[in-house]
Amino acid sequence: MLEVFFDCSSPWTYLAFHNIQPLAKEMGEEIVWKPILVGGIFNSVNPSVYESRKTPVPLKARYMKKDLMDWARSSNLAIKMPPSVFPVNSVKAMRGCLWLLRDKPAAMVPFATAVFEAYWGDDQDISKDEVLTAICNKCGLDPQAFFAGIAEPAIKDQLKDNTDEVIARGGFGSPTIFVDKTDMYFGNDRLPLIREALVRSKAGAA
Protein backbone atom coordinates (compact mmCIF):
# COMPACT_ATOMS: atom_id res chain seq x y z
CA MET A 1 0.00 0.00 0.00
CA LEU A 2 1.36 3.40 -1.03
CA GLU A 3 -0.22 6.51 0.53
CA VAL A 4 0.80 10.02 -0.51
CA PHE A 5 -0.20 13.00 1.63
CA PHE A 6 0.33 16.11 -0.49
CA ASP A 7 -0.22 19.85 -0.84
CA CYS A 8 0.26 21.58 -4.20
CA SER A 9 1.84 24.61 -2.49
CA SER A 10 5.15 22.76 -2.02
CA PRO A 11 7.76 22.54 -4.82
CA TRP A 12 9.25 19.36 -3.35
CA THR A 13 5.76 17.87 -3.43
CA TYR A 14 5.48 18.78 -7.11
CA LEU A 15 8.63 16.75 -7.72
CA ALA A 16 7.42 13.80 -5.66
CA PHE A 17 3.93 13.88 -7.18
CA HIS A 18 5.50 13.70 -10.63
CA ASN A 19 8.20 11.15 -9.85
CA ILE A 20 6.26 8.68 -7.71
CA GLN A 21 3.72 7.89 -10.42
CA PRO A 22 6.11 6.01 -12.76
CA LEU A 23 7.65 4.32 -9.71
CA ALA A 24 4.25 3.07 -8.56
CA LYS A 25 3.43 1.87 -12.07
CA GLU A 26 6.74 0.04 -12.33
CA MET A 27 6.17 -1.64 -8.97
CA GLY A 28 2.52 -2.47 -9.68
CA GLU A 29 1.31 -0.34 -6.78
CA GLU A 30 -1.81 1.81 -6.68
CA ILE A 31 -1.35 5.21 -5.05
CA VAL A 32 -3.80 6.35 -2.40
CA TRP A 33 -3.76 10.14 -2.75
CA LYS A 34 -4.51 12.16 0.40
CA PRO A 35 -4.75 15.93 -0.06
CA ILE A 36 -3.77 17.97 3.00
CA LEU A 37 -3.03 21.56 4.06
CA VAL A 38 0.65 21.74 4.90
CA GLY A 39 0.14 25.05 6.68
CA GLY A 40 -2.04 23.22 9.17
CA ILE A 41 0.83 20.82 9.84
CA PHE A 42 3.29 23.68 10.32
CA ASN A 43 0.91 25.44 12.71
CA SER A 44 0.43 22.28 14.77
CA VAL A 45 3.79 20.51 14.90
CA ASN A 46 6.42 22.27 12.76
CA PRO A 47 6.40 26.05 13.36
CA SER A 48 10.17 26.17 12.80
CA VAL A 49 9.40 26.44 9.07
CA TYR A 50 8.04 29.94 9.61
CA GLU A 51 11.08 31.00 11.60
CA SER A 52 13.44 29.71 8.94
CA ARG A 53 11.57 31.77 6.33
CA LYS A 54 11.87 34.91 8.48
CA THR A 55 15.56 34.45 9.23
CA PRO A 56 17.06 32.10 6.63
CA VAL A 57 20.67 30.97 6.73
CA PRO A 58 22.00 32.51 3.48
CA LEU A 59 24.41 29.71 2.58
CA LYS A 60 21.80 27.04 3.26
CA ALA A 61 19.09 28.96 1.37
CA ARG A 62 21.37 29.34 -1.65
CA TYR A 63 22.14 25.64 -1.68
CA MET A 64 18.49 24.65 -1.20
CA LYS A 65 17.54 26.68 -4.28
CA LYS A 66 20.31 24.99 -6.28
CA ASP A 67 19.18 21.59 -5.00
CA LEU A 68 15.60 22.31 -6.06
CA MET A 69 16.72 23.41 -9.53
CA ASP A 70 18.87 20.29 -9.89
CA TRP A 71 15.90 18.08 -9.03
CA ALA A 72 13.61 20.05 -11.35
CA ARG A 73 16.04 19.61 -14.23
CA SER A 74 16.40 15.90 -13.45
CA SER A 75 12.61 15.53 -13.45
CA ASN A 76 12.17 17.69 -16.58
CA LEU A 77 9.90 20.11 -14.71
CA ALA A 78 9.80 23.90 -14.76
CA ILE A 79 9.89 25.34 -11.22
CA LYS A 80 10.18 29.03 -10.39
CA MET A 81 11.42 29.57 -6.85
CA PRO A 82 10.17 31.63 -5.25
CA PRO A 83 6.97 32.28 -7.18
CA SER A 84 5.49 35.79 -7.07
CA VAL A 85 3.05 34.70 -4.35
CA PHE A 86 4.77 32.59 -1.71
CA PRO A 87 3.53 30.98 0.38
CA VAL A 88 0.20 30.61 -1.38
CA ASN A 89 -3.22 29.75 0.03
CA SER A 90 -3.90 26.37 -1.56
CA VAL A 91 -7.06 25.50 0.38
CA LYS A 92 -9.44 25.74 -2.61
CA ALA A 93 -7.15 23.70 -4.84
CA MET A 94 -6.73 21.00 -2.21
CA ARG A 95 -10.46 20.87 -1.53
CA GLY A 96 -10.82 20.51 -5.28
CA CYS A 97 -8.53 17.47 -5.24
CA LEU A 98 -10.70 15.92 -2.53
CA TRP A 99 -13.92 16.68 -4.37
CA LEU A 100 -12.54 15.03 -7.49
CA LEU A 101 -11.32 11.98 -5.57
CA ARG A 102 -14.87 11.54 -4.34
CA ASP A 103 -16.85 12.38 -7.47
CA LYS A 104 -14.47 12.12 -10.45
CA PRO A 105 -11.43 10.15 -9.27
CA ALA A 106 -9.89 9.78 -12.71
CA ALA A 107 -9.73 13.58 -13.00
CA MET A 108 -7.81 14.20 -9.78
CA VAL A 109 -4.27 13.58 -11.01
CA PRO A 110 -4.71 15.70 -14.18
CA PHE A 111 -6.24 18.48 -12.08
CA ALA A 112 -3.51 18.40 -9.43
CA THR A 113 -0.87 18.29 -12.16
CA ALA A 114 -2.40 21.38 -13.75
CA VAL A 115 -2.44 23.16 -10.37
CA PHE A 116 1.25 22.33 -9.82
CA GLU A 117 2.10 23.52 -13.34
CA ALA A 118 0.11 26.73 -12.98
CA TYR A 119 1.74 27.68 -9.69
CA TRP A 120 5.29 26.40 -10.00
CA GLY A 121 5.74 26.54 -13.77
CA ASP A 122 3.60 29.49 -14.87
CA ASP A 123 3.79 31.60 -11.68
CA GLN A 124 0.01 31.90 -11.30
CA ASP A 125 -1.74 32.50 -7.98
CA ILE A 126 -3.72 29.30 -7.41
CA SER A 127 -5.70 30.90 -4.61
CA LYS A 128 -7.59 33.00 -7.17
CA ASP A 129 -10.93 31.79 -8.51
CA GLU A 130 -10.09 32.87 -12.06
CA VAL A 131 -6.94 30.75 -12.05
CA LEU A 132 -8.82 27.72 -10.74
CA THR A 133 -11.56 28.34 -13.31
CA ALA A 134 -8.98 28.27 -16.10
CA ILE A 135 -7.52 25.05 -14.68
CA CYS A 136 -10.99 23.49 -14.58
CA ASN A 137 -11.57 24.46 -18.21
CA LYS A 138 -8.18 23.02 -19.18
CA CYS A 139 -9.07 19.74 -17.47
CA GLY A 140 -12.60 19.52 -18.90
CA LEU A 141 -14.26 20.20 -15.54
CA ASP A 142 -17.34 22.32 -14.93
CA PRO A 143 -16.15 25.32 -12.87
CA GLN A 144 -19.60 25.87 -11.38
CA ALA A 145 -19.72 22.27 -10.13
CA PHE A 146 -16.15 22.62 -8.89
CA PHE A 147 -16.83 25.67 -6.74
CA ALA A 148 -20.06 24.18 -5.43
CA GLY A 149 -18.23 20.97 -4.55
CA ILE A 150 -15.38 22.61 -2.66
CA ALA A 151 -17.89 24.60 -0.59
CA GLU A 152 -19.47 21.43 0.81
CA PRO A 153 -18.91 20.98 4.56
CA ALA A 154 -17.99 17.32 4.02
CA ILE A 155 -15.13 18.29 1.70
CA LYS A 156 -13.88 20.96 4.09
CA ASP A 157 -14.01 18.48 6.97
CA GLN A 158 -12.17 15.81 4.97
CA LEU A 159 -9.28 18.15 4.25
CA LYS A 160 -8.91 18.87 7.96
CA ASP A 161 -9.26 15.17 8.78
CA ASN A 162 -6.51 14.23 6.30
CA THR A 163 -4.23 16.89 7.78
CA ASP A 164 -4.92 15.70 11.31
CA GLU A 165 -4.36 12.10 10.22
CA VAL A 166 -0.88 12.68 8.82
CA ILE A 167 0.10 14.57 11.98
CA ALA A 168 -1.19 11.73 14.15
CA ARG A 169 0.87 9.28 12.10
CA GLY A 170 4.09 11.24 12.57
CA GLY A 171 4.10 13.57 9.56
CA PHE A 172 5.53 17.08 9.74
CA GLY A 173 5.32 18.34 6.15
CA SER A 174 4.53 17.62 2.50
CA PRO A 175 4.98 15.23 0.81
CA THR A 176 4.62 12.52 3.43
CA ILE A 177 4.52 9.01 2.01
CA PHE A 178 3.68 5.73 3.73
CA VAL A 179 4.46 2.22 2.59
CA ASP A 180 2.18 -0.36 4.18
CA LYS A 181 0.63 2.13 6.62
CA THR A 182 3.50 2.47 9.11
CA ASP A 183 6.70 2.93 7.08
CA MET A 184 6.95 6.73 6.65
CA TYR A 185 9.09 8.71 4.21
CA PHE A 186 9.34 12.48 3.76
CA GLY A 187 10.33 14.27 0.59
CA ASN A 188 11.00 13.66 -3.08
CA ASP A 189 14.58 12.54 -2.49
CA ARG A 190 13.39 9.53 -0.49
CA LEU A 191 11.94 7.80 -3.55
CA PRO A 192 14.91 5.41 -3.90
CA LEU A 193 14.27 4.29 -0.31
CA ILE A 194 10.56 3.93 -1.07
CA ARG A 195 11.44 1.70 -4.01
CA GLU A 196 13.52 -0.50 -1.70
CA ALA A 197 10.71 -0.63 0.85
CA LEU A 198 8.24 -1.73 -1.83
CA VAL A 199 10.66 -4.44 -2.98
CA ARG A 200 10.98 -5.68 0.61
CA SER A 201 7.22 -5.58 1.10
CA LYS A 202 6.59 -7.61 -2.02
CA ALA A 203 9.29 -10.11 -1.09
CA GLY A 204 7.78 -10.52 2.35
CA ALA A 205 4.31 -11.10 0.92
CA ALA A 206 5.53 -13.67 -1.60
C-alpha atoms as a PDB file:
ATOM      1  CA  MET A   1       0.000   0.000   0.000  1.00  0.00           C
ATOM      2  CA  LEU A   2       1.357   3.402  -1.031  1.00  0.00           C
ATOM      3  CA  GLU A   3      -0.218   6.512   0.528  1.00  0.00           C
ATOM      4  CA  VAL A   4       0.799  10.021  -0.513  1.00  0.00           C
ATOM      5  CA  PHE A   5      -0.203  13.000   1.634  1.00  0.00           C
ATOM      6  CA  PHE A   6       0.334  16.115  -0.493  1.00  0.00           C
ATOM      7  CA  ASP A   7      -0.225  19.852  -0.841  1.00  0.00           C
ATOM      8  CA  CYS A   8       0.256  21.582  -4.195  1.00  0.00           C
ATOM      9  CA  SER A   9       1.842  24.608  -2.492  1.00  0.00           C
ATOM     10  CA  SER A  10       5.153  22.756  -2.015  1.00  0.00           C
ATOM     11  CA  PRO A  11       7.761  22.545  -4.820  1.00  0.00           C
ATOM     12  CA  TRP A  12       9.246  19.362  -3.349  1.00  0.00           C
ATOM     13  CA  THR A  13       5.758  17.870  -3.425  1.00  0.00           C
ATOM     14  CA  TYR A  14       5.476  18.778  -7.114  1.00  0.00           C
ATOM     15  CA  LEU A  15       8.627  16.752  -7.721  1.00  0.00           C
ATOM     16  CA  ALA A  16       7.418  13.800  -5.662  1.00  0.00           C
ATOM     17  CA  PHE A  17       3.928  13.879  -7.182  1.00  0.00           C
ATOM     18  CA  HIS A  18       5.500  13.702 -10.632  1.00  0.00           C
ATOM     19  CA  ASN A  19       8.198  11.145  -9.847  1.00  0.00           C
ATOM     20  CA  ILE A  20       6.258   8.683  -7.714  1.00  0.00           C
ATOM     21  CA  GLN A  21       3.716   7.890 -10.423  1.00  0.00           C
ATOM     22  CA  PRO A  22       6.106   6.009 -12.757  1.00  0.00           C
ATOM     23  CA  LEU A  23       7.649   4.324  -9.714  1.00  0.00           C
ATOM     24  CA  ALA A  24       4.246   3.072  -8.559  1.00  0.00           C
ATOM     25  CA  LYS A  25       3.431   1.875 -12.072  1.00  0.00           C
ATOM     26  CA  GLU A  26       6.744   0.042 -12.334  1.00  0.00           C
ATOM     27  CA  MET A  27       6.166  -1.642  -8.973  1.00  0.00           C
ATOM     28  CA  GLY A  28       2.525  -2.470  -9.678  1.00  0.00           C
ATOM     29  CA  GLU A  29       1.310  -0.338  -6.779  1.00  0.00           C
ATOM     30  CA  GLU A  30      -1.810   1.810  -6.677  1.00  0.00           C
ATOM     31  CA  ILE A  31      -1.346   5.206  -5.055  1.00  0.00           C
ATOM     32  CA  VAL A  32      -3.803   6.352  -2.397  1.00  0.00           C
ATOM     33  CA  TRP A  33      -3.758  10.136  -2.755  1.00  0.00           C
ATOM     34  CA  LYS A  34      -4.508  12.158   0.397  1.00  0.00           C
ATOM     35  CA  PRO A  35      -4.751  15.931  -0.057  1.00  0.00           C
ATOM     36  CA  ILE A  36      -3.770  17.972   3.001  1.00  0.00           C
ATOM     37  CA  LEU A  37      -3.029  21.559   4.061  1.00  0.00           C
ATOM     38  CA  VAL A  38       0.653  21.743   4.896  1.00  0.00           C
ATOM     39  CA  GLY A  39       0.137  25.053   6.681  1.00  0.00           C
ATOM     40  CA  GLY A  40      -2.038  23.218   9.175  1.00  0.00           C
ATOM     41  CA  ILE A  41       0.825  20.822   9.837  1.00  0.00           C
ATOM     42  CA  PHE A  42       3.290  23.679  10.320  1.00  0.00           C
ATOM     43  CA  ASN A  43       0.911  25.440  12.707  1.00  0.00           C
ATOM     44  CA  SER A  44       0.434  22.285  14.769  1.00  0.00           C
ATOM     45  CA  VAL A  45       3.788  20.514  14.903  1.00  0.00           C
ATOM     46  CA  ASN A  46       6.425  22.268  12.760  1.00  0.00           C
ATOM     47  CA  PRO A  47       6.403  26.052  13.358  1.00  0.00           C
ATOM     48  CA  SER A  48      10.170  26.171  12.803  1.00  0.00           C
ATOM     49  CA  VAL A  49       9.397  26.435   9.070  1.00  0.00           C
ATOM     50  CA  TYR A  50       8.040  29.938   9.608  1.00  0.00           C
ATOM     51  CA  GLU A  51      11.078  30.995  11.604  1.00  0.00           C
ATOM     52  CA  SER A  52      13.442  29.711   8.937  1.00  0.00           C
ATOM     53  CA  ARG A  53      11.572  31.772   6.332  1.00  0.00           C
ATOM     54  CA  LYS A  54      11.872  34.908   8.477  1.00  0.00           C
ATOM     55  CA  THR A  55      15.565  34.455   9.231  1.00  0.00           C
ATOM     56  CA  PRO A  56      17.064  32.102   6.627  1.00  0.00           C
ATOM     57  CA  VAL A  57      20.669  30.973   6.728  1.00  0.00           C
ATOM     58  CA  PRO A  58      21.997  32.514   3.478  1.00  0.00           C
ATOM     59  CA  LEU A  59      24.410  29.709   2.580  1.00  0.00           C
ATOM     60  CA  LYS A  60      21.795  27.041   3.256  1.00  0.00           C
ATOM     61  CA  ALA A  61      19.086  28.955   1.370  1.00  0.00           C
ATOM     62  CA  ARG A  62      21.374  29.345  -1.645  1.00  0.00           C
ATOM     63  CA  TYR A  63      22.141  25.637  -1.680  1.00  0.00           C
ATOM     64  CA  MET A  64      18.488  24.645  -1.196  1.00  0.00           C
ATOM     65  CA  LYS A  65      17.541  26.675  -4.277  1.00  0.00           C
ATOM     66  CA  LYS A  66      20.312  24.987  -6.280  1.00  0.00           C
ATOM     67  CA  ASP A  67      19.176  21.588  -5.003  1.00  0.00           C
ATOM     68  CA  LEU A  68      15.600  22.306  -6.065  1.00  0.00           C
ATOM     69  CA  MET A  69      16.720  23.413  -9.529  1.00  0.00           C
ATOM     70  CA  ASP A  70      18.872  20.290  -9.890  1.00  0.00           C
ATOM     71  CA  TRP A  71      15.900  18.081  -9.031  1.00  0.00           C
ATOM     72  CA  ALA A  72      13.609  20.049 -11.348  1.00  0.00           C
ATOM     73  CA  ARG A  73      16.039  19.607 -14.233  1.00  0.00           C
ATOM     74  CA  SER A  74      16.399  15.900 -13.448  1.00  0.00           C
ATOM     75  CA  SER A  75      12.606  15.533 -13.447  1.00  0.00           C
ATOM     76  CA  ASN A  76      12.168  17.687 -16.581  1.00  0.00           C
ATOM     77  CA  LEU A  77       9.903  20.113 -14.706  1.00  0.00           C
ATOM     78  CA  ALA A  78       9.795  23.897 -14.756  1.00  0.00           C
ATOM     79  CA  ILE A  79       9.891  25.337 -11.217  1.00  0.00           C
ATOM     80  CA  LYS A  80      10.182  29.035 -10.390  1.00  0.00           C
ATOM     81  CA  MET A  81      11.425  29.574  -6.850  1.00  0.00           C
ATOM     82  CA  PRO A  82      10.166  31.633  -5.250  1.00  0.00           C
ATOM     83  CA  PRO A  83       6.972  32.279  -7.183  1.00  0.00           C
ATOM     84  CA  SER A  84       5.492  35.788  -7.071  1.00  0.00           C
ATOM     85  CA  VAL A  85       3.053  34.704  -4.352  1.00  0.00           C
ATOM     86  CA  PHE A  86       4.771  32.589  -1.707  1.00  0.00           C
ATOM     87  CA  PRO A  87       3.534  30.980   0.383  1.00  0.00           C
ATOM     88  CA  VAL A  88       0.200  30.610  -1.376  1.00  0.00           C
ATOM     89  CA  ASN A  89      -3.219  29.751   0.029  1.00  0.00           C
ATOM     90  CA  SER A  90      -3.898  26.365  -1.562  1.00  0.00           C
ATOM     91  CA  VAL A  91      -7.060  25.498   0.378  1.00  0.00           C
ATOM     92  CA  LYS A  92      -9.439  25.740  -2.609  1.00  0.00           C
ATOM     93  CA  ALA A  93      -7.147  23.697  -4.835  1.00  0.00           C
ATOM     94  CA  MET A  94      -6.726  21.003  -2.207  1.00  0.00           C
ATOM     95  CA  ARG A  95     -10.463  20.874  -1.527  1.00  0.00           C
ATOM     96  CA  GLY A  96     -10.823  20.505  -5.285  1.00  0.00           C
ATOM     97  CA  CYS A  97      -8.531  17.474  -5.241  1.00  0.00           C
ATOM     98  CA  LEU A  98     -10.705  15.917  -2.527  1.00  0.00           C
ATOM     99  CA  TRP A  99     -13.925  16.677  -4.368  1.00  0.00           C
ATOM    100  CA  LEU A 100     -12.537  15.030  -7.486  1.00  0.00           C
ATOM    101  CA  LEU A 101     -11.317  11.976  -5.568  1.00  0.00           C
ATOM    102  CA  ARG A 102     -14.869  11.540  -4.338  1.00  0.00           C
ATOM    103  CA  ASP A 103     -16.855  12.379  -7.471  1.00  0.00           C
ATOM    104  CA  LYS A 104     -14.469  12.117 -10.448  1.00  0.00           C
ATOM    105  CA  PRO A 105     -11.434  10.155  -9.271  1.00  0.00           C
ATOM    106  CA  ALA A 106      -9.886   9.784 -12.714  1.00  0.00           C
ATOM    107  CA  ALA A 107      -9.733  13.578 -13.001  1.00  0.00           C
ATOM    108  CA  MET A 108      -7.811  14.202  -9.776  1.00  0.00           C
ATOM    109  CA  VAL A 109      -4.274  13.577 -11.014  1.00  0.00           C
ATOM    110  CA  PRO A 110      -4.712  15.702 -14.178  1.00  0.00           C
ATOM    111  CA  PHE A 111      -6.243  18.482 -12.085  1.00  0.00           C
ATOM    112  CA  ALA A 112      -3.514  18.404  -9.426  1.00  0.00           C
ATOM    113  CA  THR A 113      -0.869  18.289 -12.156  1.00  0.00           C
ATOM    114  CA  ALA A 114      -2.401  21.379 -13.754  1.00  0.00           C
ATOM    115  CA  VAL A 115      -2.436  23.156 -10.373  1.00  0.00           C
ATOM    116  CA  PHE A 116       1.247  22.332  -9.824  1.00  0.00           C
ATOM    117  CA  GLU A 117       2.098  23.523 -13.342  1.00  0.00           C
ATOM    118  CA  ALA A 118       0.111  26.732 -12.978  1.00  0.00           C
ATOM    119  CA  TYR A 119       1.738  27.680  -9.689  1.00  0.00           C
ATOM    120  CA  TRP A 120       5.291  26.403 -10.002  1.00  0.00           C
ATOM    121  CA  GLY A 121       5.736  26.540 -13.765  1.00  0.00           C
ATOM    122  CA  ASP A 122       3.596  29.488 -14.867  1.00  0.00           C
ATOM    123  CA  ASP A 123       3.787  31.599 -11.677  1.00  0.00           C
ATOM    124  CA  GLN A 124       0.010  31.901 -11.300  1.00  0.00           C
ATOM    125  CA  ASP A 125      -1.741  32.501  -7.983  1.00  0.00           C
ATOM    126  CA  ILE A 126      -3.715  29.303  -7.414  1.00  0.00           C
ATOM    127  CA  SER A 127      -5.705  30.905  -4.611  1.00  0.00           C
ATOM    128  CA  LYS A 128      -7.594  33.003  -7.170  1.00  0.00           C
ATOM    129  CA  ASP A 129     -10.928  31.788  -8.508  1.00  0.00           C
ATOM    130  CA  GLU A 130     -10.094  32.868 -12.058  1.00  0.00           C
ATOM    131  CA  VAL A 131      -6.936  30.753 -12.050  1.00  0.00           C
ATOM    132  CA  LEU A 132      -8.820  27.722 -10.739  1.00  0.00           C
ATOM    133  CA  THR A 133     -11.556  28.336 -13.308  1.00  0.00           C
ATOM    134  CA  ALA A 134      -8.975  28.272 -16.098  1.00  0.00           C
ATOM    135  CA  ILE A 135      -7.516  25.046 -14.678  1.00  0.00           C
ATOM    136  CA  CYS A 136     -10.990  23.490 -14.582  1.00  0.00           C
ATOM    137  CA  ASN A 137     -11.567  24.456 -18.207  1.00  0.00           C
ATOM    138  CA  LYS A 138      -8.176  23.024 -19.179  1.00  0.00           C
ATOM    139  CA  CYS A 139      -9.068  19.739 -17.474  1.00  0.00           C
ATOM    140  CA  GLY A 140     -12.602  19.516 -18.896  1.00  0.00           C
ATOM    141  CA  LEU A 141     -14.255  20.201 -15.541  1.00  0.00           C
ATOM    142  CA  ASP A 142     -17.341  22.321 -14.932  1.00  0.00           C
ATOM    143  CA  PRO A 143     -16.149  25.322 -12.873  1.00  0.00           C
ATOM    144  CA  GLN A 144     -19.602  25.865 -11.381  1.00  0.00           C
ATOM    145  CA  ALA A 145     -19.724  22.272 -10.135  1.00  0.00           C
ATOM    146  CA  PHE A 146     -16.148  22.616  -8.888  1.00  0.00           C
ATOM    147  CA  PHE A 147     -16.825  25.674  -6.742  1.00  0.00           C
ATOM    148  CA  ALA A 148     -20.059  24.177  -5.432  1.00  0.00           C
ATOM    149  CA  GLY A 149     -18.229  20.969  -4.554  1.00  0.00           C
ATOM    150  CA  ILE A 150     -15.380  22.615  -2.661  1.00  0.00           C
ATOM    151  CA  ALA A 151     -17.891  24.600  -0.592  1.00  0.00           C
ATOM    152  CA  GLU A 152     -19.473  21.428   0.806  1.00  0.00           C
ATOM    153  CA  PRO A 153     -18.906  20.979   4.560  1.00  0.00           C
ATOM    154  CA  ALA A 154     -17.994  17.322   4.023  1.00  0.00           C
ATOM    155  CA  ILE A 155     -15.128  18.290   1.697  1.00  0.00           C
ATOM    156  CA  LYS A 156     -13.876  20.960   4.093  1.00  0.00           C
ATOM    157  CA  ASP A 157     -14.013  18.478   6.970  1.00  0.00           C
ATOM    158  CA  GLN A 158     -12.171  15.807   4.974  1.00  0.00           C
ATOM    159  CA  LEU A 159      -9.280  18.152   4.253  1.00  0.00           C
ATOM    160  CA  LYS A 160      -8.914  18.866   7.956  1.00  0.00           C
ATOM    161  CA  ASP A 161      -9.262  15.173   8.785  1.00  0.00           C
ATOM    162  CA  ASN A 162      -6.513  14.233   6.303  1.00  0.00           C
ATOM    163  CA  THR A 163      -4.228  16.888   7.782  1.00  0.00           C
ATOM    164  CA  ASP A 164      -4.921  15.698  11.313  1.00  0.00           C
ATOM    165  CA  GLU A 165      -4.355  12.104  10.218  1.00  0.00           C
ATOM    166  CA  VAL A 166      -0.879  12.676   8.822  1.00  0.00           C
ATOM    167  CA  ILE A 167       0.104  14.575  11.978  1.00  0.00           C
ATOM    168  CA  ALA A 168      -1.191  11.726  14.153  1.00  0.00           C
ATOM    169  CA  ARG A 169       0.870   9.278  12.098  1.00  0.00           C
ATOM    170  CA  GLY A 170       4.087  11.244  12.572  1.00  0.00           C
ATOM    171  CA  GLY A 171       4.103  13.568   9.563  1.00  0.00           C
ATOM    172  CA  PHE A 172       5.529  17.083   9.737  1.00  0.00           C
ATOM    173  CA  GLY A 173       5.322  18.340   6.151  1.00  0.00           C
ATOM    174  CA  SER A 174       4.530  17.624   2.501  1.00  0.00           C
ATOM    175  CA  PRO A 175       4.984  15.229   0.813  1.00  0.00           C
ATOM    176  CA  THR A 176       4.623  12.516   3.431  1.00  0.00           C
ATOM    177  CA  ILE A 177       4.522   9.008   2.012  1.00  0.00           C
ATOM    178  CA  PHE A 178       3.677   5.733   3.728  1.00  0.00           C
ATOM    179  CA  VAL A 179       4.463   2.217   2.585  1.00  0.00           C
ATOM    180  CA  ASP A 180       2.176  -0.364   4.184  1.00  0.00           C
ATOM    181  CA  LYS A 181       0.627   2.129   6.624  1.00  0.00           C
ATOM    182  CA  THR A 182       3.499   2.466   9.106  1.00  0.00           C
ATOM    183  CA  ASP A 183       6.704   2.925   7.083  1.00  0.00           C
ATOM    184  CA  MET A 184       6.947   6.732   6.655  1.00  0.00           C
ATOM    185  CA  TYR A 185       9.091   8.709   4.207  1.00  0.00           C
ATOM    186  CA  PHE A 186       9.343  12.477   3.762  1.00  0.00           C
ATOM    187  CA  GLY A 187      10.331  14.271   0.590  1.00  0.00           C
ATOM    188  CA  ASN A 188      10.996  13.655  -3.080  1.00  0.00           C
ATOM    189  CA  ASP A 189      14.575  12.541  -2.490  1.00  0.00           C
ATOM    190  CA  ARG A 190      13.389   9.534  -0.485  1.00  0.00           C
ATOM    191  CA  LEU A 191      11.936   7.804  -3.549  1.00  0.00           C
ATOM    192  CA  PRO A 192      14.910   5.406  -3.897  1.00  0.00           C
ATOM    193  CA  LEU A 193      14.268   4.293  -0.313  1.00  0.00           C
ATOM    194  CA  ILE A 194      10.560   3.926  -1.067  1.00  0.00           C
ATOM    195  CA  ARG A 195      11.440   1.698  -4.006  1.00  0.00           C
ATOM    196  CA  GLU A 196      13.522  -0.502  -1.702  1.00  0.00           C
ATOM    197  CA  ALA A 197      10.709  -0.628   0.847  1.00  0.00           C
ATOM    198  CA  LEU A 198       8.242  -1.733  -1.829  1.00  0.00           C
ATOM    199  CA  VAL A 199      10.656  -4.435  -2.978  1.00  0.00           C
ATOM    200  CA  ARG A 200      10.984  -5.679   0.612  1.00  0.00           C
ATOM    201  CA  SER A 201       7.221  -5.580   1.103  1.00  0.00           C
ATOM    202  CA  LYS A 202       6.594  -7.606  -2.023  1.00  0.00           C
ATOM    203  CA  ALA A 203       9.292 -10.114  -1.085  1.00  0.00           C
ATOM    204  CA  GLY A 204       7.781 -10.519   2.351  1.00  0.00           C
ATOM    205  CA  ALA A 205       4.310 -11.100   0.916  1.00  0.00           C
ATOM    206  CA  ALA A 206       5.531 -13.669  -1.596  1.00  0.00           C
END
